C-alpha atoms as a PDB file:
ATOM      1  CA  UNK A   1      77.809 132.340 100.521  1.00  0.00           C
ATOM      2  CA  UNK A   2      81.191 131.258 100.538  1.00  0.00           C
ATOM      3  CA  UNK A   3      81.269 130.239 104.362  1.00  0.00           C
ATOM      4  CA  UNK A   4      77.796 127.941 103.750  1.00  0.00           C
ATOM      5  CA  UNK A   5      79.435 126.450 100.771  1.00  0.00           C
ATOM      6  CA  UNK A   6      82.738 125.701 102.651  1.00  0.00           C
ATOM      7  CA  UNK A   7      80.398 124.230 105.869  1.00  0.00           C
ATOM      8  CA  UNK A   8      78.731 122.203 103.454  1.00  0.00           C
ATOM      9  CA  UNK A   9      82.222 120.623 101.720  1.00  0.00           C
ATOM     10  CA  UNK A  10      82.996 120.274 105.569  1.00  0.00           C
ATOM     11  CA  UNK A  11      79.872 117.892 106.267  1.00  0.00           C
ATOM     12  CA  UNK A  12      80.056 116.243 102.763  1.00  0.00           C
ATOM     13  CA  UNK A  13      83.833 115.253 104.038  1.00  0.00           C
ATOM     14  CA  UNK A  14      83.100 114.199 107.236  1.00  0.00           C
ATOM     15  CA  UNK A  15      80.166 111.710 105.995  1.00  0.00           C
ATOM     16  CA  UNK A  16      82.625 110.246 103.511  1.00  0.00           C
ATOM     17  CA  UNK A  17      85.114 109.508 105.949  1.00  0.00           C
ATOM     18  CA  UNK A  18      82.663 107.628 108.314  1.00  0.00           C
ATOM     19  CA  UNK A  19      81.352 105.829 105.372  1.00  0.00           C
ATOM     20  CA  UNK A  20      85.089 104.857 104.522  1.00  0.00           C
ATOM     21  CA  UNK A  21      86.205 103.983 108.571  1.00  0.00           C
ATOM     22  CA  UNK A  22      86.236 100.400 109.213  1.00  0.00           C
ATOM     23  CA  UNK A  23      83.754  99.195 111.063  1.00  0.00           C
ATOM     24  CA  UNK A  24      84.039  99.666 115.058  1.00  0.00           C
ATOM     25  CA  UNK A  25      85.175  97.141 117.697  1.00  0.00           C
ATOM     26  CA  UNK A  26      81.684  96.350 118.996  1.00  0.00           C
ATOM     27  CA  UNK A  27      79.667  95.877 115.595  1.00  0.00           C
ATOM     28  CA  UNK A  28      78.482  92.657 114.494  1.00  0.00           C
ATOM     29  CA  UNK A  29      80.174  92.774 111.631  1.00  0.00           C
ATOM     30  CA  UNK A  30      82.134  89.960 109.970  1.00  0.00           C
ATOM     31  CA  UNK A  31      84.776  90.410 107.411  1.00  0.00           C
ATOM     32  CA  UNK A  32      86.071  88.929 104.662  1.00  0.00           C
ATOM     33  CA  UNK A  33      89.157  89.475 102.720  1.00  0.00           C
ATOM     34  CA  UNK A  34      87.871  87.499  99.864  1.00  0.00           C
ATOM     35  CA  UNK A  35      85.166  84.778  98.619  1.00  0.00           C
ATOM     36  CA  UNK A  36      86.188  81.416  99.612  1.00  0.00           C
ATOM     37  CA  UNK A  37      85.571  79.864  95.811  1.00  0.00           C
ATOM     38  CA  UNK A  38      88.676  82.069  94.497  1.00  0.00           C
ATOM     39  CA  UNK A  39      90.968  80.192  97.079  1.00  0.00           C
ATOM     40  CA  UNK A  40      89.452  76.509  96.483  1.00  0.00           C
ATOM     41  CA  UNK A  41      90.126  77.206  92.532  1.00  0.00           C
ATOM     42  CA  UNK A  42      93.501  78.225  92.419  1.00  0.00           C
ATOM     43  CA  UNK A  43      93.786  82.137  93.654  1.00  0.00           C
ATOM     44  CA  UNK A  44      96.300  81.736  96.352  1.00  0.00           C
ATOM     45  CA  UNK A  45      97.817  84.678  96.404  1.00  0.00           C
ATOM     46  CA  UNK A  46      96.629  88.752  97.243  1.00  0.00           C
ATOM     47  CA  UNK A  47      98.106  91.435  98.592  1.00  0.00           C
ATOM     48  CA  UNK A  48      95.731  91.798 101.847  1.00  0.00           C
ATOM     49  CA  UNK A  49      98.630  92.034 104.267  1.00  0.00           C
ATOM     50  CA  UNK A  50      98.655  91.072 108.032  1.00  0.00           C
ATOM     51  CA  UNK A  51      98.959  94.074 109.310  1.00  0.00           C
ATOM     52  CA  UNK A  52      95.449  94.981 107.825  1.00  0.00           C
ATOM     53  CA  UNK A  53      93.784  92.196 109.844  1.00  0.00           C
ATOM     54  CA  UNK A  54      93.543  94.222 112.779  1.00  0.00           C
ATOM     55  CA  UNK A  55      91.293  97.190 111.656  1.00  0.00           C
ATOM     56  CA  UNK A  56      88.661  94.354 110.921  1.00  0.00           C
ATOM     57  CA  UNK A  57      88.384  91.856 113.767  1.00  0.00           C
ATOM     58  CA  UNK A  58      90.468  90.154 116.847  1.00  0.00           C
ATOM     59  CA  UNK A  59      89.074  86.899 116.334  1.00  0.00           C
ATOM     60  CA  UNK A  60      89.106  84.844 113.056  1.00  0.00           C
ATOM     61  CA  UNK A  61      90.976  82.387 110.842  1.00  0.00           C
ATOM     62  CA  UNK A  62      92.498  81.846 107.245  1.00  0.00           C
ATOM     63  CA  UNK A  63      95.730  80.728 105.813  1.00  0.00           C
ATOM     64  CA  UNK A  64      98.858  82.626 103.588  1.00  0.00           C
ATOM     65  CA  UNK A  65      99.981  83.282 100.279  1.00  0.00           C
ATOM     66  CA  UNK A  66     100.570  79.714  98.699  1.00  0.00           C
ATOM     67  CA  UNK A  67      98.488  78.309 101.339  1.00  0.00           C
ATOM     68  CA  UNK A  68     101.907  78.678 103.833  1.00  0.00           C
ATOM     69  CA  UNK A  69     100.073  77.014 106.943  1.00  0.00           C
ATOM     70  CA  UNK A  70      97.224  77.359 109.220  1.00  0.00           C
ATOM     71  CA  UNK A  71      95.940  80.776 110.284  1.00  0.00           C
ATOM     72  CA  UNK A  72      94.434  81.908 113.774  1.00  0.00           C
ATOM     73  CA  UNK A  73      93.115  85.280 115.121  1.00  0.00           C
ATOM     74  CA  UNK A  74      92.535  85.306 118.515  1.00  0.00           C
ATOM     75  CA  UNK A  75      92.930  88.037 121.003  1.00  0.00           C
ATOM     76  CA  UNK A  76      93.740  90.434 118.127  1.00  0.00           C
ATOM     77  CA  UNK A  77      97.298  88.607 117.481  1.00  0.00           C
ATOM     78  CA  UNK A  78      97.679  86.114 114.221  1.00  0.00           C
ATOM     79  CA  UNK A  79      99.161  83.188 114.583  1.00  0.00           C
ATOM     80  CA  UNK A  80     100.498  80.425 112.264  1.00  0.00           C
ATOM     81  CA  UNK A  81     100.558  76.844 111.853  1.00  0.00           C
ATOM     82  CA  UNK A  82     103.328  75.389 109.737  1.00  0.00           C
ATOM     83  CA  UNK A  83     103.281  72.262 107.975  1.00  0.00           C
ATOM     84  CA  UNK A  84     105.688  71.166 110.618  1.00  0.00           C
ATOM     85  CA  UNK A  85     103.194  71.852 113.109  1.00  0.00           C
ATOM     86  CA  UNK A  86     105.354  74.987 114.645  1.00  0.00           C
ATOM     87  CA  UNK A  87     103.219  77.883 115.533  1.00  0.00           C
ATOM     88  CA  UNK A  88     104.703  81.218 114.914  1.00  0.00           C
ATOM     89  CA  UNK A  89     103.435  84.878 114.418  1.00  0.00           C
ATOM     90  CA  UNK A  90     104.193  86.374 110.872  1.00  0.00           C
ATOM     91  CA  UNK A  91     105.121  89.748 109.935  1.00  0.00           C
ATOM     92  CA  UNK A  92     102.803  92.274 109.480  1.00  0.00           C
ATOM     93  CA  UNK A  93     104.076  92.696 105.855  1.00  0.00           C
ATOM     94  CA  UNK A  94     102.981  88.908 104.632  1.00  0.00           C
ATOM     95  CA  UNK A  95      99.834  88.740 102.751  1.00  0.00           C
ATOM     96  CA  UNK A  96      97.051  86.443 102.802  1.00  0.00           C
ATOM     97  CA  UNK A  97      94.743  85.295 100.226  1.00  0.00           C
ATOM     98  CA  UNK A  98      91.743  84.505 102.456  1.00  0.00           C
ATOM     99  CA  UNK A  99      90.822  85.957 106.120  1.00  0.00           C
ATOM    100  CA  UNK A 100      87.545  85.827 107.841  1.00  0.00           C
ATOM    101  CA  UNK A 101      87.387  87.593 110.971  1.00  0.00           C
ATOM    102  CA  UNK A 102      85.058  89.478 113.315  1.00  0.00           C
ATOM    103  CA  UNK A 103      85.431  91.770 116.833  1.00  0.00           C
ATOM    104  CA  UNK A 104      84.363  88.928 118.746  1.00  0.00           C
ATOM    105  CA  UNK A 105      81.674  89.796 121.194  1.00  0.00           C
ATOM    106  CA  UNK A 106      79.658  86.760 122.748  1.00  0.00           C
ATOM    107  CA  UNK A 107      75.882  87.198 122.933  1.00  0.00           C
ATOM    108  CA  UNK A 108      75.529  83.578 124.207  1.00  0.00           C
ATOM    109  CA  UNK A 109      78.071  81.406 127.192  1.00  0.00           C
ATOM    110  CA  UNK A 110      77.009  78.161 127.657  1.00  0.00           C
ATOM    111  CA  UNK A 111      79.251  75.623 130.116  1.00  0.00           C
ATOM    112  CA  UNK A 112      79.353  72.073 129.160  1.00  0.00           C
ATOM    113  CA  UNK A 113      80.266  69.816 131.971  1.00  0.00           C
ATOM    114  CA  UNK A 114      79.804  66.128 130.065  1.00  0.00           C
ATOM    115  CA  UNK A 115      82.092  64.811 127.049  1.00  0.00           C
ATOM    116  CA  UNK A 116      81.664  66.018 123.876  1.00  0.00           C
ATOM    117  CA  UNK A 117      83.512  65.721 120.601  1.00  0.00           C
ATOM    118  CA  UNK A 118      83.350  67.152 117.348  1.00  0.00           C
ATOM    119  CA  UNK A 119      80.317  65.441 116.177  1.00  0.00           C
ATOM    120  CA  UNK A 120      78.609  65.803 119.295  1.00  0.00           C
ATOM    121  CA  UNK A 121      79.249  69.434 119.670  1.00  0.00           C
ATOM    122  CA  UNK A 122      78.008  69.789 116.074  1.00  0.00           C
ATOM    123  CA  UNK A 123      74.757  68.341 116.817  1.00  0.00           C
ATOM    124  CA  UNK A 124      74.371  70.318 120.391  1.00  0.00           C
ATOM    125  CA  UNK A 125      74.951  73.730 118.234  1.00  0.00           C
ATOM    126  CA  UNK A 126      72.493  72.693 115.704  1.00  0.00           C
ATOM    127  CA  UNK A 127      70.015  71.862 117.979  1.00  0.00           C
ATOM    128  CA  UNK A 128      70.307  75.428 120.044  1.00  0.00           C
ATOM    129  CA  UNK A 129      71.297  77.797 117.967  1.00  0.00           C
ATOM    130  CA  UNK A 130      68.245  80.316 117.273  1.00  0.00           C
ATOM    131  CA  UNK A 131      67.950  79.863 113.328  1.00  0.00           C
ATOM    132  CA  UNK A 132      70.839  78.182 110.889  1.00  0.00           C
ATOM    133  CA  UNK A 133      69.882  81.249 108.466  1.00  0.00           C
ATOM    134  CA  UNK A 134      72.897  83.573 110.176  1.00  0.00           C
ATOM    135  CA  UNK A 135      76.184  83.706 110.846  1.00  0.00           C
ATOM    136  CA  UNK A 136      77.936  82.835 114.065  1.00  0.00           C
ATOM    137  CA  UNK A 137      81.380  83.325 115.573  1.00  0.00           C
ATOM    138  CA  UNK A 138      82.252  80.228 117.953  1.00  0.00           C
ATOM    139  CA  UNK A 139      84.453  80.255 120.389  1.00  0.00           C
ATOM    140  CA  UNK A 140      84.843  76.903 122.887  1.00  0.00           C
ATOM    141  CA  UNK A 141      87.546  76.784 125.742  1.00  0.00           C
ATOM    142  CA  UNK A 142      88.503  74.146 127.361  1.00  0.00           C
ATOM    143  CA  UNK A 143      90.540  71.073 128.611  1.00  0.00           C
ATOM    144  CA  UNK A 144      90.846  68.406 125.432  1.00  0.00           C
ATOM    145  CA  UNK A 145      91.435  64.797 126.268  1.00  0.00           C
ATOM    146  CA  UNK A 146      92.288  64.712 122.840  1.00  0.00           C
ATOM    147  CA  UNK A 147      92.609  66.808 119.705  1.00  0.00           C
ATOM    148  CA  UNK A 148      93.586  65.934 115.858  1.00  0.00           C
ATOM    149  CA  UNK A 149      94.744  69.126 113.507  1.00  0.00           C
ATOM    150  CA  UNK A 150      96.148  69.243 110.086  1.00  0.00           C
ATOM    151  CA  UNK A 151      98.313  71.936 108.218  1.00  0.00           C
ATOM    152  CA  UNK A 152      98.730  72.411 104.714  1.00  0.00           C
ATOM    153  CA  UNK A 153     102.355  72.355 103.059  1.00  0.00           C
ATOM    154  CA  UNK A 154     103.148  75.653 101.139  1.00  0.00           C
ATOM    155  CA  UNK A 155     102.596  75.608  97.381  1.00  0.00           C
ATOM    156  CA  UNK A 156     104.224  76.478  94.206  1.00  0.00           C
ATOM    157  CA  UNK A 157     102.811  77.832  91.032  1.00  0.00           C
ATOM    158  CA  UNK A 158     101.226  76.750  89.067  1.00  0.00           C
ATOM    159  CA  UNK A 159      98.570  76.467  91.705  1.00  0.00           C
ATOM    160  CA  UNK A 160      95.745  73.726  91.442  1.00  0.00           C
ATOM    161  CA  UNK A 161      92.449  73.686  93.176  1.00  0.00           C
ATOM    162  CA  UNK A 162      92.461  73.326  96.834  1.00  0.00           C
ATOM    163  CA  UNK A 163      90.550  70.065  97.056  1.00  0.00           C
ATOM    164  CA  UNK A 164      94.123  68.538  95.428  1.00  0.00           C
ATOM    165  CA  UNK A 165      96.405  71.123  98.168  1.00  0.00           C
ATOM    166  CA  UNK A 166      94.585  69.221 101.297  1.00  0.00           C
ATOM    167  CA  UNK A 167      95.461  65.583 100.011  1.00  0.00           C
ATOM    168  CA  UNK A 168      99.345  66.932 100.788  1.00  0.00           C
ATOM    169  CA  UNK A 169      98.810  67.620 104.660  1.00  0.00           C
ATOM    170  CA  UNK A 170     100.646  66.919 107.735  1.00  0.00           C
ATOM    171  CA  UNK A 171      98.396  65.733 110.944  1.00  0.00           C
ATOM    172  CA  UNK A 172      99.198  66.492 114.613  1.00  0.00           C
ATOM    173  CA  UNK A 173      97.397  64.606 117.797  1.00  0.00           C
ATOM    174  CA  UNK A 174      97.805  66.227 121.207  1.00  0.00           C
ATOM    175  CA  UNK A 175      96.431  64.811 124.587  1.00  0.00           C
ATOM    176  CA  UNK A 176      95.288  66.543 127.519  1.00  0.00           C
ATOM    177  CA  UNK A 177      95.436  70.135 126.347  1.00  0.00           C
ATOM    178  CA  UNK A 178      94.182  73.257 127.547  1.00  0.00           C
ATOM    179  CA  UNK A 179      93.305  75.452 124.601  1.00  0.00           C
ATOM    180  CA  UNK A 180      90.672  77.219 122.107  1.00  0.00           C
ATOM    181  CA  UNK A 181      88.871  76.174 119.187  1.00  0.00           C
ATOM    182  CA  UNK A 182      88.320  79.550 116.820  1.00  0.00           C
ATOM    183  CA  UNK A 183      85.401  79.120 114.169  1.00  0.00           C
ATOM    184  CA  UNK A 184      82.226  80.013 111.950  1.00  0.00           C
ATOM    185  CA  UNK A 185      79.219  78.613 111.123  1.00  0.00           C
ATOM    186  CA  UNK A 186      77.917  79.944 107.809  1.00  0.00           C
ATOM    187  CA  UNK A 187      74.283  79.161 106.578  1.00  0.00           C
ATOM    188  CA  UNK A 188      73.980  77.136 102.768  1.00  0.00           C
ATOM    189  CA  UNK A 189      72.742  79.820 100.741  1.00  0.00           C
ATOM    190  CA  UNK A 190      77.107  81.343 101.278  1.00  0.00           C
ATOM    191  CA  UNK A 191      77.987  78.483  99.679  1.00  0.00           C
ATOM    192  CA  UNK A 192      81.317  79.627  97.468  1.00  0.00           C
ATOM    193  CA  UNK A 193      81.072  82.557  99.020  1.00  0.00           C
ATOM    194  CA  UNK A 194      82.269  80.825 102.368  1.00  0.00           C
ATOM    195  CA  UNK A 195      82.278  77.129 103.236  1.00  0.00           C
ATOM    196  CA  UNK A 196      78.738  75.910 104.493  1.00  0.00           C
ATOM    197  CA  UNK A 197      78.779  74.495 107.908  1.00  0.00           C
ATOM    198  CA  UNK A 198      81.212  74.976 110.975  1.00  0.00           C
ATOM    199  CA  UNK A 199      85.053  75.600 110.316  1.00  0.00           C
ATOM    200  CA  UNK A 200      87.151  75.274 113.471  1.00  0.00           C
ATOM    201  CA  UNK A 201      90.881  75.694 114.397  1.00  0.00           C
ATOM    202  CA  UNK A 202      92.582  75.261 117.276  1.00  0.00           C
ATOM    203  CA  UNK A 203      95.041  76.613 119.330  1.00  0.00           C
ATOM    204  CA  UNK A 204      96.595  75.594 122.716  1.00  0.00           C
ATOM    205  CA  UNK A 205      96.950  78.178 125.821  1.00  0.00           C
ATOM    206  CA  UNK A 206     100.323  78.064 125.807  1.00  0.00           C
ATOM    207  CA  UNK A 207     100.698  79.260 121.898  1.00  0.00           C
ATOM    208  CA  UNK A 208     102.909  76.044 120.786  1.00  0.00           C
ATOM    209  CA  UNK A 209      99.807  73.687 119.550  1.00  0.00           C
ATOM    210  CA  UNK A 210      97.450  74.074 116.890  1.00  0.00           C
ATOM    211  CA  UNK A 211      96.106  73.701 113.399  1.00  0.00           C
ATOM    212  CA  UNK A 212      92.473  72.911 111.291  1.00  0.00           C
ATOM    213  CA  UNK A 213      90.758  71.100 113.712  1.00  0.00           C
ATOM    214  CA  UNK A 214      89.446  67.571 112.512  1.00  0.00           C
ATOM    215  CA  UNK A 215      88.783  65.655 115.962  1.00  0.00           C
ATOM    216  CA  UNK A 216      88.681  66.393 119.594  1.00  0.00           C
ATOM    217  CA  UNK A 217      87.108  65.222 122.457  1.00  0.00           C
ATOM    218  CA  UNK A 218      86.587  67.304 126.331  1.00  0.00           C
ATOM    219  CA  UNK A 219      84.891  66.483 129.375  1.00  0.00           C
ATOM    220  CA  UNK A 220      84.015  70.272 130.052  1.00  0.00           C
ATOM    221  CA  UNK A 221      84.031  73.226 127.646  1.00  0.00           C
ATOM    222  CA  UNK A 222      82.835  76.568 127.768  1.00  0.00           C
ATOM    223  CA  UNK A 223      80.864  77.682 124.504  1.00  0.00           C
ATOM    224  CA  UNK A 224      80.689  81.196 123.666  1.00  0.00           C
ATOM    225  CA  UNK A 225      78.493  82.495 120.514  1.00  0.00           C
ATOM    226  CA  UNK A 226      78.423  85.694 118.558  1.00  0.00           C
ATOM    227  CA  UNK A 227      75.546  86.150 116.131  1.00  0.00           C
ATOM    228  CA  UNK A 228      76.558  88.458 113.247  1.00  0.00           C
ATOM    229  CA  UNK A 229      74.213  90.574 111.806  1.00  0.00           C
ATOM    230  CA  UNK A 230      76.200  92.231 108.939  1.00  0.00           C
ATOM    231  CA  UNK A 231      78.562  90.939 106.167  1.00  0.00           C
ATOM    232  CA  UNK A 232      81.268  92.769 104.499  1.00  0.00           C
ATOM    233  CA  UNK A 233      83.409  91.274 101.819  1.00  0.00           C
ATOM    234  CA  UNK A 234      86.686  92.652  99.735  1.00  0.00           C
ATOM    235  CA  UNK A 235      86.908  91.790  96.053  1.00  0.00           C
ATOM    236  CA  UNK A 236      90.958  91.645  95.347  1.00  0.00           C
ATOM    237  CA  UNK A 237      92.483  92.604  92.700  1.00  0.00           C
ATOM    238  CA  UNK A 238      95.461  90.055  92.146  1.00  0.00           C
ATOM    239  CA  UNK A 239      96.177  88.902  89.044  1.00  0.00           C
ATOM    240  CA  UNK A 240      95.394  85.486  90.671  1.00  0.00           C
ATOM    241  CA  UNK A 241      91.799  86.374  91.381  1.00  0.00           C
ATOM    242  CA  UNK A 242      91.353  88.157  88.069  1.00  0.00           C
ATOM    243  CA  UNK A 243      92.242  85.365  86.204  1.00  0.00           C
ATOM    244  CA  UNK A 244      91.062  82.269  87.417  1.00  0.00           C
ATOM    245  CA  UNK A 245      87.744  80.700  86.160  1.00  0.00           C
ATOM    246  CA  UNK A 246      85.304  80.650  88.906  1.00  0.00           C
ATOM    247  CA  UNK A 247      82.952  77.765  87.484  1.00  0.00           C
ATOM    248  CA  UNK A 248      80.794  76.509  90.168  1.00  0.00           C
ATOM    249  CA  UNK A 249      82.227  73.814  92.120  1.00  0.00           C
ATOM    250  CA  UNK A 250      81.092  71.954  95.632  1.00  0.00           C
ATOM    251  CA  UNK A 251      82.947  73.716  98.100  1.00  0.00           C
ATOM    252  CA  UNK A 252      84.942  71.788 101.123  1.00  0.00           C
ATOM    253  CA  UNK A 253      87.727  72.786 103.318  1.00  0.00           C
END
């Protein structure tokens, strides 16, 4: 009887450990460290560390505490594009108030051999995606004729909302540069949880240039699309998040 009881306890603990383990690297699960409306409303500090990122994905974007630069996650490595345009890799102990990431596995690969800019890429994707009601991770690799990006200056307390933060940004212009657009498309019904529509960051192949993408032109590109089946979001317990007034507002990045 005792041995049967111990066996039952063993399988119970095994079951709980499976449930609590981070998603498998081949799962279609998008992980988010916080709802975007928190960041947009001024919750710009959290306890989620850069070291935790690899447990949940190898492809994504976000920012750092105090909105100290643009975050890019590509091939399992985390990069920061600072307000001065410099690209660096942050320490694993540094923290972030917002990260969106996935273990990227493309369902669809499309080669485009004609000139496209940001607007025509969005139109092309909207016309070719199977549904606007799904979440998509999108990787675009190409030789870009022009790229315009931005980064935001680190904020100091008391934090204001994100709309005011983006008024103090620096922009960077690149020409004839090889690189990757790292991005997502979220459906309209997820407004507040994330930003509806498209959101791309850019990182050059030599890892020296990047930022939040504003504009681009390219003569050829490879588009890789990963349709996400599951969505997992962590709810922060930081003082910034707990004390924030989440009055519903229009969210723009």
